[in-house]
Full PDB file with SEQRES, HELIX, SHEET, SSBOND, CRYST1, ORIGX, SCALE, CONECT and MASTER records, all heavy atoms in Angstrom:
SEQRES   1 A   35  ARG VAL MET MET ASN HIS VAL ILE VAL ASP VAL THR HIS          
SEQRES   2 A   35  ALA THR ARG ASP GLU ARG PRO LEU VAL ALA THR LEU LEU          
SEQRES   3 A   35  GLY GLN ASP GLY ASP GLU HIS LEU HIS                          
SHEET    1 AA1 2 GLY A  27  ASP A  29  0                                        
SHEET    2 AA1 2 GLU A  32  LEU A  34 -1                                        
CRYST1    1.000    1.000    1.000  90.00  90.00  90.00 P 1           1          
ORIGX1      1.000000  0.000000  0.000000        0.00000                         
ORIGX2      0.000000  1.000000  0.000000        0.00000                         
ORIGX3      0.000000  0.000000  1.000000        0.00000                         
SCALE1      1.000000  0.000000  0.000000        0.00000                         
SCALE2      0.000000  1.000000  0.000000        0.00000                         
SCALE3      0.000000  0.000000  1.000000        0.00000                         
ATOM      1  N   ARG A   1      13.835  -3.302  10.132  1.00  0.00           N  
ATOM      2  CA  ARG A   1      14.776  -2.432   9.431  1.00  0.00           C  
ATOM      3  C   ARG A   1      15.025  -2.895   7.999  1.00  0.00           C  
ATOM      4  O   ARG A   1      15.091  -4.096   7.724  1.00  0.00           O  
ATOM      5  CB  ARG A   1      16.119  -2.406  10.172  1.00  0.00           C  
ATOM      6  CG  ARG A   1      16.070  -1.670  11.501  1.00  0.00           C  
ATOM      7  CD  ARG A   1      17.429  -1.715  12.183  1.00  0.00           C  
ATOM      8  NE  ARG A   1      17.391  -1.026  13.477  1.00  0.00           N  
ATOM      9  CZ  ARG A   1      18.346  -1.121  14.382  1.00  0.00           C  
ATOM     10  NH1 ARG A   1      19.413  -1.888  14.151  1.00  0.00           N  
ATOM     11  NH2 ARG A   1      18.248  -0.458  15.522  1.00  0.00           N  
ATOM     12  N   VAL A   2      15.182  -1.913   7.115  1.00  0.00           N  
ATOM     13  CA  VAL A   2      15.681  -2.201   5.770  1.00  0.00           C  
ATOM     14  C   VAL A   2      17.139  -2.629   5.902  1.00  0.00           C  
ATOM     15  O   VAL A   2      17.946  -1.936   6.533  1.00  0.00           O  
ATOM     16  CB  VAL A   2      15.558  -0.970   4.859  1.00  0.00           C  
ATOM     17  CG1 VAL A   2      16.235  -1.228   3.511  1.00  0.00           C  
ATOM     18  CG2 VAL A   2      14.095  -0.601   4.662  1.00  0.00           C  
ATOM     19  N   MET A   3      17.481  -3.765   5.331  1.00  0.00           N  
ATOM     20  CA  MET A   3      18.832  -4.304   5.430  1.00  0.00           C  
ATOM     21  C   MET A   3      19.608  -4.056   4.140  1.00  0.00           C  
ATOM     22  O   MET A   3      19.078  -3.520   3.177  1.00  0.00           O  
ATOM     23  CB  MET A   3      18.755  -5.794   5.754  1.00  0.00           C  
ATOM     24  CG  MET A   3      18.178  -6.066   7.137  1.00  0.00           C  
ATOM     25  SD  MET A   3      17.683  -7.802   7.391  1.00  0.00           S  
ATOM     26  CE  MET A   3      15.914  -7.680   7.084  1.00  0.00           C  
ATOM     27  N   MET A   4      20.865  -4.429   4.132  1.00  0.00           N  
ATOM     28  CA  MET A   4      21.685  -4.189   2.951  1.00  0.00           C  
ATOM     29  C   MET A   4      21.119  -4.874   1.715  1.00  0.00           C  
ATOM     30  O   MET A   4      21.088  -4.292   0.620  1.00  0.00           O  
ATOM     31  CB  MET A   4      23.124  -4.672   3.190  1.00  0.00           C  
ATOM     32  CG  MET A   4      24.074  -4.353   2.050  1.00  0.00           C  
ATOM     33  SD  MET A   4      25.755  -4.991   2.312  1.00  0.00           S  
ATOM     34  CE  MET A   4      26.252  -4.050   3.761  1.00  0.00           C  
ATOM     35  N   ASN A   5      20.641  -6.102   1.877  1.00  0.00           N  
ATOM     36  CA  ASN A   5      20.171  -6.883   0.744  1.00  0.00           C  
ATOM     37  C   ASN A   5      18.766  -7.444   0.921  1.00  0.00           C  
ATOM     38  O   ASN A   5      18.320  -8.239   0.095  1.00  0.00           O  
ATOM     39  CB  ASN A   5      21.131  -8.053   0.471  1.00  0.00           C  
ATOM     40  CG  ASN A   5      22.552  -7.599   0.247  1.00  0.00           C  
ATOM     41  OD1 ASN A   5      23.420  -7.785   1.107  1.00  0.00           O  
ATOM     42  ND2 ASN A   5      22.793  -6.977  -0.884  1.00  0.00           N  
ATOM     43  N   HIS A   6      18.070  -7.043   1.982  1.00  0.00           N  
ATOM     44  CA  HIS A   6      16.752  -7.613   2.246  1.00  0.00           C  
ATOM     45  C   HIS A   6      15.798  -6.585   2.844  1.00  0.00           C  
ATOM     46  O   HIS A   6      16.208  -5.680   3.582  1.00  0.00           O  
ATOM     47  CB  HIS A   6      16.844  -8.808   3.209  1.00  0.00           C  
ATOM     48  CG  HIS A   6      17.589  -9.964   2.664  1.00  0.00           C  
ATOM     49  ND1 HIS A   6      18.950 -10.156   2.893  1.00  0.00           N  
ATOM     50  CD2 HIS A   6      17.198 -11.002   1.871  1.00  0.00           C  
ATOM     51  CE1 HIS A   6      19.352 -11.258   2.276  1.00  0.00           C  
ATOM     52  NE2 HIS A   6      18.299 -11.790   1.649  1.00  0.00           N  
ATOM     53  N   VAL A   7      14.526  -6.770   2.525  1.00  0.00           N  
ATOM     54  CA  VAL A   7      13.423  -6.041   3.140  1.00  0.00           C  
ATOM     55  C   VAL A   7      12.365  -7.078   3.506  1.00  0.00           C  
ATOM     56  O   VAL A   7      12.125  -8.024   2.746  1.00  0.00           O  
ATOM     57  CB  VAL A   7      12.827  -4.999   2.163  1.00  0.00           C  
ATOM     58  CG1 VAL A   7      11.529  -4.425   2.708  1.00  0.00           C  
ATOM     59  CG2 VAL A   7      13.819  -3.877   1.902  1.00  0.00           C  
ATOM     60  N   ILE A   8      11.741  -6.914   4.667  1.00  0.00           N  
ATOM     61  CA  ILE A   8      10.680  -7.830   5.088  1.00  0.00           C  
ATOM     62  C   ILE A   8       9.376  -7.039   5.153  1.00  0.00           C  
ATOM     63  O   ILE A   8       9.321  -5.938   5.723  1.00  0.00           O  
ATOM     64  CB  ILE A   8      11.002  -8.469   6.447  1.00  0.00           C  
ATOM     65  CG1 ILE A   8      12.338  -9.234   6.364  1.00  0.00           C  
ATOM     66  CG2 ILE A   8       9.880  -9.412   6.878  1.00  0.00           C  
ATOM     67  CD1 ILE A   8      12.816  -9.796   7.681  1.00  0.00           C  
ATOM     68  N   VAL A   9       8.326  -7.587   4.546  1.00  0.00           N  
ATOM     69  CA  VAL A   9       7.042  -6.893   4.506  1.00  0.00           C  
ATOM     70  C   VAL A   9       5.933  -7.815   5.013  1.00  0.00           C  
ATOM     71  O   VAL A   9       6.009  -9.046   4.865  1.00  0.00           O  
ATOM     72  CB  VAL A   9       6.710  -6.393   3.086  1.00  0.00           C  
ATOM     73  CG1 VAL A   9       7.731  -5.364   2.628  1.00  0.00           C  
ATOM     74  CG2 VAL A   9       6.634  -7.535   2.092  1.00  0.00           C  
ATOM     75  N   ASP A  10       4.932  -7.215   5.612  1.00  0.00           N  
ATOM     76  CA  ASP A  10       3.770  -7.940   6.111  1.00  0.00           C  
ATOM     77  C   ASP A  10       2.769  -8.099   4.966  1.00  0.00           C  
ATOM     78  O   ASP A  10       2.177  -7.126   4.497  1.00  0.00           O  
ATOM     79  CB  ASP A  10       3.150  -7.150   7.272  1.00  0.00           C  
ATOM     80  CG  ASP A  10       1.917  -7.832   7.864  1.00  0.00           C  
ATOM     81  OD1 ASP A  10       1.408  -8.800   7.267  1.00  0.00           O  
ATOM     82  OD2 ASP A  10       1.452  -7.361   8.919  1.00  0.00           O  
ATOM     83  N   VAL A  11       2.589  -9.340   4.499  1.00  0.00           N  
ATOM     84  CA  VAL A  11       1.691  -9.603   3.372  1.00  0.00           C  
ATOM     85  C   VAL A  11       0.460 -10.396   3.818  1.00  0.00           C  
ATOM     86  O   VAL A  11      -0.207 -11.027   3.003  1.00  0.00           O  
ATOM     87  CB  VAL A  11       2.429 -10.355   2.243  1.00  0.00           C  
ATOM     88  CG1 VAL A  11       3.540  -9.495   1.661  1.00  0.00           C  
ATOM     89  CG2 VAL A  11       2.978 -11.698   2.736  1.00  0.00           C  
ATOM     90  N   THR A  12       0.157 -10.351   5.106  1.00  0.00           N  
ATOM     91  CA  THR A  12      -0.938 -11.151   5.653  1.00  0.00           C  
ATOM     92  C   THR A  12      -2.244 -10.938   4.899  1.00  0.00           C  
ATOM     93  O   THR A  12      -2.987 -11.896   4.637  1.00  0.00           O  
ATOM     94  CB  THR A  12      -1.133 -10.811   7.140  1.00  0.00           C  
ATOM     95  OG1 THR A  12       0.114 -10.958   7.834  1.00  0.00           O  
ATOM     96  CG2 THR A  12      -2.170 -11.728   7.777  1.00  0.00           C  
ATOM     97  N   HIS A  13      -2.539  -9.710   4.552  1.00  0.00           N  
ATOM     98  CA  HIS A  13      -3.829  -9.396   3.933  1.00  0.00           C  
ATOM     99  C   HIS A  13      -3.741  -9.298   2.404  1.00  0.00           C  
ATOM    100  O   HIS A  13      -4.727  -8.946   1.759  1.00  0.00           O  
ATOM    101  CB  HIS A  13      -4.366  -8.080   4.504  1.00  0.00           C  
ATOM    102  CG  HIS A  13      -4.542  -8.108   5.991  1.00  0.00           C  
ATOM    103  ND1 HIS A  13      -5.477  -8.904   6.605  1.00  0.00           N  
ATOM    104  CD2 HIS A  13      -3.867  -7.467   6.987  1.00  0.00           C  
ATOM    105  CE1 HIS A  13      -5.396  -8.736   7.922  1.00  0.00           C  
ATOM    106  NE2 HIS A  13      -4.427  -7.879   8.179  1.00  0.00           N  
ATOM    107  N   ALA A  14      -2.571  -9.604   1.833  1.00  0.00           N  
ATOM    108  CA  ALA A  14      -2.409  -9.476   0.382  1.00  0.00           C  
ATOM    109  C   ALA A  14      -2.336 -10.818  -0.325  1.00  0.00           C  
ATOM    110  O   ALA A  14      -2.467 -10.875  -1.542  1.00  0.00           O  
ATOM    111  CB  ALA A  14      -1.154  -8.660   0.075  1.00  0.00           C  
ATOM    112  N   THR A  15      -2.108 -11.890   0.408  1.00  0.00           N  
ATOM    113  CA  THR A  15      -2.002 -13.208  -0.214  1.00  0.00           C  
ATOM    114  C   THR A  15      -2.527 -14.256   0.752  1.00  0.00           C  
ATOM    115  O   THR A  15      -2.457 -14.073   1.980  1.00  0.00           O  
ATOM    116  CB  THR A  15      -0.546 -13.511  -0.628  1.00  0.00           C  
ATOM    117  OG1 THR A  15      -0.487 -14.776  -1.291  1.00  0.00           O  
ATOM    118  CG2 THR A  15       0.379 -13.521   0.574  1.00  0.00           C  
ATOM    119  N   ARG A  16      -3.015 -15.370   0.214  1.00  0.00           N  
ATOM    120  CA  ARG A  16      -3.646 -16.388   1.052  1.00  0.00           C  
ATOM    121  C   ARG A  16      -2.748 -17.582   1.337  1.00  0.00           C  
ATOM    122  O   ARG A  16      -3.144 -18.489   2.061  1.00  0.00           O  
ATOM    123  CB  ARG A  16      -4.931 -16.881   0.378  1.00  0.00           C  
ATOM    124  CG  ARG A  16      -5.984 -15.813   0.217  1.00  0.00           C  
ATOM    125  CD  ARG A  16      -7.222 -16.373  -0.468  1.00  0.00           C  
ATOM    126  NE  ARG A  16      -8.272 -15.364  -0.600  1.00  0.00           N  
ATOM    127  CZ  ARG A  16      -9.451 -15.595  -1.173  1.00  0.00           C  
ATOM    128  NH1 ARG A  16      -9.722 -16.810  -1.652  1.00  0.00           N  
ATOM    129  NH2 ARG A  16     -10.338 -14.634  -1.262  1.00  0.00           N  
ATOM    130  N   ASP A  17      -1.567 -17.590   0.752  1.00  0.00           N  
ATOM    131  CA  ASP A  17      -0.697 -18.750   0.940  1.00  0.00           C  
ATOM    132  C   ASP A  17       0.760 -18.293   0.891  1.00  0.00           C  
ATOM    133  O   ASP A  17       1.055 -17.099   0.862  1.00  0.00           O  
ATOM    134  CB  ASP A  17      -0.981 -19.825  -0.116  1.00  0.00           C  
ATOM    135  CG  ASP A  17      -0.949 -19.273  -1.527  1.00  0.00           C  
ATOM    136  OD1 ASP A  17      -0.011 -18.514  -1.849  1.00  0.00           O  
ATOM    137  OD2 ASP A  17      -1.857 -19.594  -2.328  1.00  0.00           O  
ATOM    138  N   GLU A  18       1.653 -19.275   0.862  1.00  0.00           N  
ATOM    139  CA  GLU A  18       3.081 -18.971   0.916  1.00  0.00           C  
ATOM    140  C   GLU A  18       3.766 -19.131  -0.446  1.00  0.00           C  
ATOM    141  O   GLU A  18       4.982 -19.286  -0.527  1.00  0.00           O  
ATOM    142  CB  GLU A  18       3.775 -19.865   1.954  1.00  0.00           C  
ATOM    143  CG  GLU A  18       3.513 -19.449   3.398  1.00  0.00           C  
ATOM    144  CD  GLU A  18       2.086 -19.730   3.832  1.00  0.00           C  
ATOM    145  OE1 GLU A  18       1.690 -20.912   3.811  1.00  0.00           O  
ATOM    146  OE2 GLU A  18       1.351 -18.773   4.154  1.00  0.00           O  
ATOM    147  N   ARG A  19       2.981 -19.087  -1.491  1.00  0.00           N  
ATOM    148  CA  ARG A  19       3.582 -19.169  -2.821  1.00  0.00           C  
ATOM    149  C   ARG A  19       4.381 -17.897  -3.128  1.00  0.00           C  
ATOM    150  O   ARG A  19       4.097 -16.824  -2.577  1.00  0.00           O  
ATOM    151  CB  ARG A  19       2.506 -19.378  -3.877  1.00  0.00           C  
ATOM    152  CG  ARG A  19       1.927 -20.781  -3.897  1.00  0.00           C  
ATOM    153  CD  ARG A  19       0.888 -20.933  -4.992  1.00  0.00           C  
ATOM    154  NE  ARG A  19      -0.289 -20.101  -4.723  1.00  0.00           N  
ATOM    155  CZ  ARG A  19      -1.352 -20.063  -5.520  1.00  0.00           C  
ATOM    156  NH1 ARG A  19      -1.375 -20.783  -6.648  1.00  0.00           N  
ATOM    157  NH2 ARG A  19      -2.383 -19.305  -5.205  1.00  0.00           N  
ATOM    158  N   PRO A  20       5.391 -17.978  -4.025  1.00  0.00           N  
ATOM    159  CA  PRO A  20       6.163 -16.786  -4.390  1.00  0.00           C  
ATOM    160  C   PRO A  20       5.252 -15.676  -4.919  1.00  0.00           C  
ATOM    161  O   PRO A  20       4.203 -15.935  -5.518  1.00  0.00           O  
ATOM    162  CB  PRO A  20       7.111 -17.294  -5.474  1.00  0.00           C  
ATOM    163  CG  PRO A  20       7.239 -18.761  -5.210  1.00  0.00           C  
ATOM    164  CD  PRO A  20       5.896 -19.200  -4.695  1.00  0.00           C  
ATOM    165  N   LEU A  21       5.664 -14.467  -4.690  1.00  0.00           N  
ATOM    166  CA  LEU A  21       4.881 -13.316  -5.117  1.00  0.00           C  
ATOM    167  C   LEU A  21       5.813 -12.240  -5.667  1.00  0.00           C  
ATOM    168  O   LEU A  21       7.040 -12.324  -5.545  1.00  0.00           O  
ATOM    169  CB  LEU A  21       4.042 -12.780  -3.958  1.00  0.00           C  
ATOM    170  CG  LEU A  21       4.769 -12.456  -2.649  1.00  0.00           C  
ATOM    171  CD1 LEU A  21       5.421 -11.080  -2.676  1.00  0.00           C  
ATOM    172  CD2 LEU A  21       3.807 -12.559  -1.472  1.00  0.00           C  
ATOM    173  N   VAL A  22       5.218 -11.236  -6.278  1.00  0.00           N  
ATOM    174  CA  VAL A  22       5.975 -10.089  -6.788  1.00  0.00           C  
ATOM    175  C   VAL A  22       5.479  -8.838  -6.073  1.00  0.00           C  
ATOM    176  O   VAL A  22       4.275  -8.586  -6.003  1.00  0.00           O  
ATOM    177  CB  VAL A  22       5.815  -9.938  -8.310  1.00  0.00           C  
ATOM    178  CG1 VAL A  22       6.431  -8.631  -8.798  1.00  0.00           C  
ATOM    179  CG2 VAL A  22       6.458 -11.119  -9.033  1.00  0.00           C  
ATOM    180  N   ALA A  23       6.407  -8.078  -5.541  1.00  0.00           N  
ATOM    181  CA  ALA A  23       6.084  -6.821  -4.870  1.00  0.00           C  
ATOM    182  C   ALA A  23       6.496  -5.650  -5.756  1.00  0.00           C  
ATOM    183  O   ALA A  23       7.522  -5.698  -6.434  1.00  0.00           O  
ATOM    184  CB  ALA A  23       6.805  -6.733  -3.528  1.00  0.00           C  
ATOM    185  N   THR A  24       5.705  -4.606  -5.737  1.00  0.00           N  
ATOM    186  CA  THR A  24       6.039  -3.357  -6.419  1.00  0.00           C  
ATOM    187  C   THR A  24       6.559  -2.379  -5.386  1.00  0.00           C  
ATOM    188  O   THR A  24       5.836  -1.996  -4.458  1.00  0.00           O  
ATOM    189  CB  THR A  24       4.810  -2.775  -7.142  1.00  0.00           C  
ATOM    190  OG1 THR A  24       4.399  -3.688  -8.169  1.00  0.00           O  
ATOM    191  CG2 THR A  24       5.125  -1.430  -7.768  1.00  0.00           C  
ATOM    192  N   LEU A  25       7.822  -1.992  -5.539  1.00  0.00           N  
ATOM    193  CA  LEU A  25       8.435  -1.044  -4.619  1.00  0.00           C  
ATOM    194  C   LEU A  25       8.160   0.393  -5.031  1.00  0.00           C  
ATOM    195  O   LEU A  25       8.142   1.305  -4.204  1.00  0.00           O  
ATOM    196  CB  LEU A  25       9.949  -1.264  -4.563  1.00  0.00           C  
ATOM    197  CG  LEU A  25      10.429  -2.698  -4.327  1.00  0.00           C  
ATOM    198  CD1 LEU A  25      11.936  -2.763  -4.380  1.00  0.00           C  
ATOM    199  CD2 LEU A  25       9.913  -3.228  -3.011  1.00  0.00           C  
ATOM    200  N   LEU A  26       7.982   0.594  -6.318  1.00  0.00           N  
ATOM    201  CA  LEU A  26       7.751   1.914  -6.883  1.00  0.00           C  
ATOM    202  C   LEU A  26       6.928   1.725  -8.148  1.00  0.00           C  
ATOM    203  O   LEU A  26       7.287   0.917  -9.004  1.00  0.00           O  
ATOM    204  CB  LEU A  26       9.090   2.578  -7.207  1.00  0.00           C  
ATOM    205  CG  LEU A  26       9.096   4.008  -7.743  1.00  0.00           C  
ATOM    206  CD1 LEU A  26       8.542   4.965  -6.703  1.00  0.00           C  
ATOM    207  CD2 LEU A  26      10.508   4.416  -8.129  1.00  0.00           C  
ATOM    208  N   GLY A  27       5.811   2.417  -8.249  1.00  0.00           N  
ATOM    209  CA  GLY A  27       4.979   2.255  -9.433  1.00  0.00           C  
ATOM    210  C   GLY A  27       3.569   1.835  -9.077  1.00  0.00           C  
ATOM    211  O   GLY A  27       3.114   2.000  -7.937  1.00  0.00           O  
ATOM    212  N   GLN A  28       2.877   1.255 -10.053  1.00  0.00           N  
ATOM    213  CA  GLN A  28       1.454   0.942  -9.900  1.00  0.00           C  
ATOM    214  C   GLN A  28       1.216  -0.557  -9.886  1.00  0.00           C  
ATOM    215  O   GLN A  28       1.856  -1.314 -10.605  1.00  0.00           O  
ATOM    216  CB  GLN A  28       0.647   1.572 -11.050  1.00  0.00           C  
ATOM    217  CG  GLN A  28      -0.853   1.429 -10.886  1.00  0.00           C  
ATOM    218  CD  GLN A  28      -1.621   2.284 -11.869  1.00  0.00           C  
ATOM    219  OE1 GLN A  28      -1.036   3.036 -12.635  1.00  0.00           O  
ATOM    220  NE2 GLN A  28      -2.945   2.172 -11.852  1.00  0.00           N  
ATOM    221  N   ASP A  29       0.280  -0.974  -9.047  1.00  0.00           N  
ATOM    222  CA  ASP A  29      -0.201  -2.352  -9.011  1.00  0.00           C  
ATOM    223  C   ASP A  29      -1.694  -2.283  -8.725  1.00  0.00           C  
ATOM    224  O   ASP A  29      -2.109  -1.879  -7.634  1.00  0.00           O  
ATOM    225  CB  ASP A  29       0.527  -3.152  -7.934  1.00  0.00           C  
ATOM    226  CG  ASP A  29       0.097  -4.621  -7.904  1.00  0.00           C  
ATOM    227  OD1 ASP A  29      -0.752  -5.008  -8.729  1.00  0.00           O  
ATOM    228  OD2 ASP A  29       0.602  -5.364  -7.052  1.00  0.00           O  
ATOM    229  N   GLY A  30      -2.501  -2.641  -9.705  1.00  0.00           N  
ATOM    230  CA  GLY A  30      -3.942  -2.490  -9.552  1.00  0.00           C  
ATOM    231  C   GLY A  30      -4.319  -1.027  -9.457  1.00  0.00           C  
ATOM    232  O   GLY A  30      -3.845  -0.201 -10.240  1.00  0.00           O  
ATOM    233  N   ASP A  31      -5.135  -0.701  -8.480  1.00  0.00           N  
ATOM    234  CA  ASP A  31      -5.563   0.690  -8.295  1.00  0.00           C  
ATOM    235  C   ASP A  31      -4.627   1.472  -7.377  1.00  0.00           C  
ATOM    236  O   ASP A  31      -4.823   2.679  -7.174  1.00  0.00           O  
ATOM    237  CB  ASP A  31      -6.980   0.740  -7.707  1.00  0.00           C  
ATOM    238  CG  ASP A  31      -8.019   0.186  -8.666  1.00  0.00           C  
ATOM    239  OD1 ASP A  31      -7.808   0.289  -9.894  1.00  0.00           O  
ATOM    240  OD2 ASP A  31      -9.029  -0.373  -8.188  1.00  0.00           O  
ATOM    241  N   GLU A  32      -3.653   0.805  -6.824  1.00  0.00           N  
ATOM    242  CA  GLU A  32      -2.723   1.468  -5.910  1.00  0.00           C  
ATOM    243  C   GLU A  32      -1.472   1.934  -6.655  1.00  0.00           C  
ATOM    244  O   GLU A  32      -1.045   1.313  -7.625  1.00  0.00           O  
ATOM    245  CB  GLU A  32      -2.318   0.525  -4.775  1.00  0.00           C  
ATOM    246  CG  GLU A  32      -3.415   0.276  -3.757  1.00  0.00           C  
ATOM    247  CD  GLU A  32      -3.585   1.441  -2.794  1.00  0.00           C  
ATOM    248  OE1 GLU A  32      -2.862   2.452  -2.928  1.00  0.00           O  
ATOM    249  OE2 GLU A  32      -4.443   1.335  -1.894  1.00  0.00           O  
ATOM    250  N   HIS A  33      -0.886   3.016  -6.161  1.00  0.00           N  
ATOM    251  CA  HIS A  33       0.296   3.567  -6.801  1.00  0.00           C  
ATOM    252  C   HIS A  33       1.238   4.093  -5.727  1.00  0.00           C  
ATOM    253  O   HIS A  33       0.814   4.819  -4.827  1.00  0.00           O  
ATOM    254  CB  HIS A  33      -0.091   4.713  -7.748  1.00  0.00           C  
ATOM    255  CG  HIS A  33       0.941   5.015  -8.792  1.00  0.00           C  
ATOM    256  ND1 HIS A  33       2.216   5.411  -8.481  1.00  0.00           N  
ATOM    257  CD2 HIS A  33       0.894   4.959 -10.149  1.00  0.00           C  
ATOM    258  CE1 HIS A  33       2.908   5.599  -9.598  1.00  0.00           C  
ATOM    259  NE2 HIS A  33       2.118   5.325 -10.626  1.00  0.00           N  
ATOM    260  N   LEU A  34       2.506   3.730  -5.818  1.00  0.00           N  
ATOM    261  CA  LEU A  34       3.548   4.275  -4.948  1.00  0.00           C  
ATOM    262  C   LEU A  34       4.391   5.239  -5.773  1.00  0.00           C  
ATOM    263  O   LEU A  34       5.103   4.835  -6.693  1.00  0.00           O  
ATOM    264  CB  LEU A  34       4.427   3.160  -4.379  1.00  0.00           C  
ATOM    265  CG  LEU A  34       3.827   2.337  -3.246  1.00  0.00           C  
ATOM    266  CD1 LEU A  34       4.759   1.176  -2.901  1.00  0.00           C  
ATOM    267  CD2 LEU A  34       3.596   3.202  -2.006  1.00  0.00           C  
ATOM    268  N   HIS A  35       4.303   6.520  -5.461  1.00  0.00           N  
ATOM    269  CA  HIS A  35       5.013   7.548  -6.209  1.00  0.00           C  
ATOM    270  C   HIS A  35       6.418   7.751  -5.635  1.00  0.00           C  
ATOM    271  O   HIS A  35       6.657   7.582  -4.436  1.00  0.00           O  
ATOM    272  CB  HIS A  35       4.250   8.867  -6.149  1.00  0.00           C  
ATOM    273  CG  HIS A  35       2.907   8.806  -6.816  1.00  0.00           C  
ATOM    274  ND1 HIS A  35       2.743   9.008  -8.172  1.00  0.00           N  
ATOM    275  CD2 HIS A  35       1.670   8.557  -6.314  1.00  0.00           C  
ATOM    276  CE1 HIS A  35       1.463   8.888  -8.476  1.00  0.00           C  
ATOM    277  NE2 HIS A  35       0.785   8.618  -7.378  1.00  0.00           N  
TER     278      HIS A  35                                                      
MASTER        0    0    0    0    2    0    0    6  277    1    0    3          
END                                                                             
């Protein structure tokens, strides 16, 4: 569930380690776009 202050996403196939990352909730990242 989307929570008041948190969202949890499955990044298994998007990153190879546990270093901090940046997610795009709306907009473009690479060839992908969330309208």
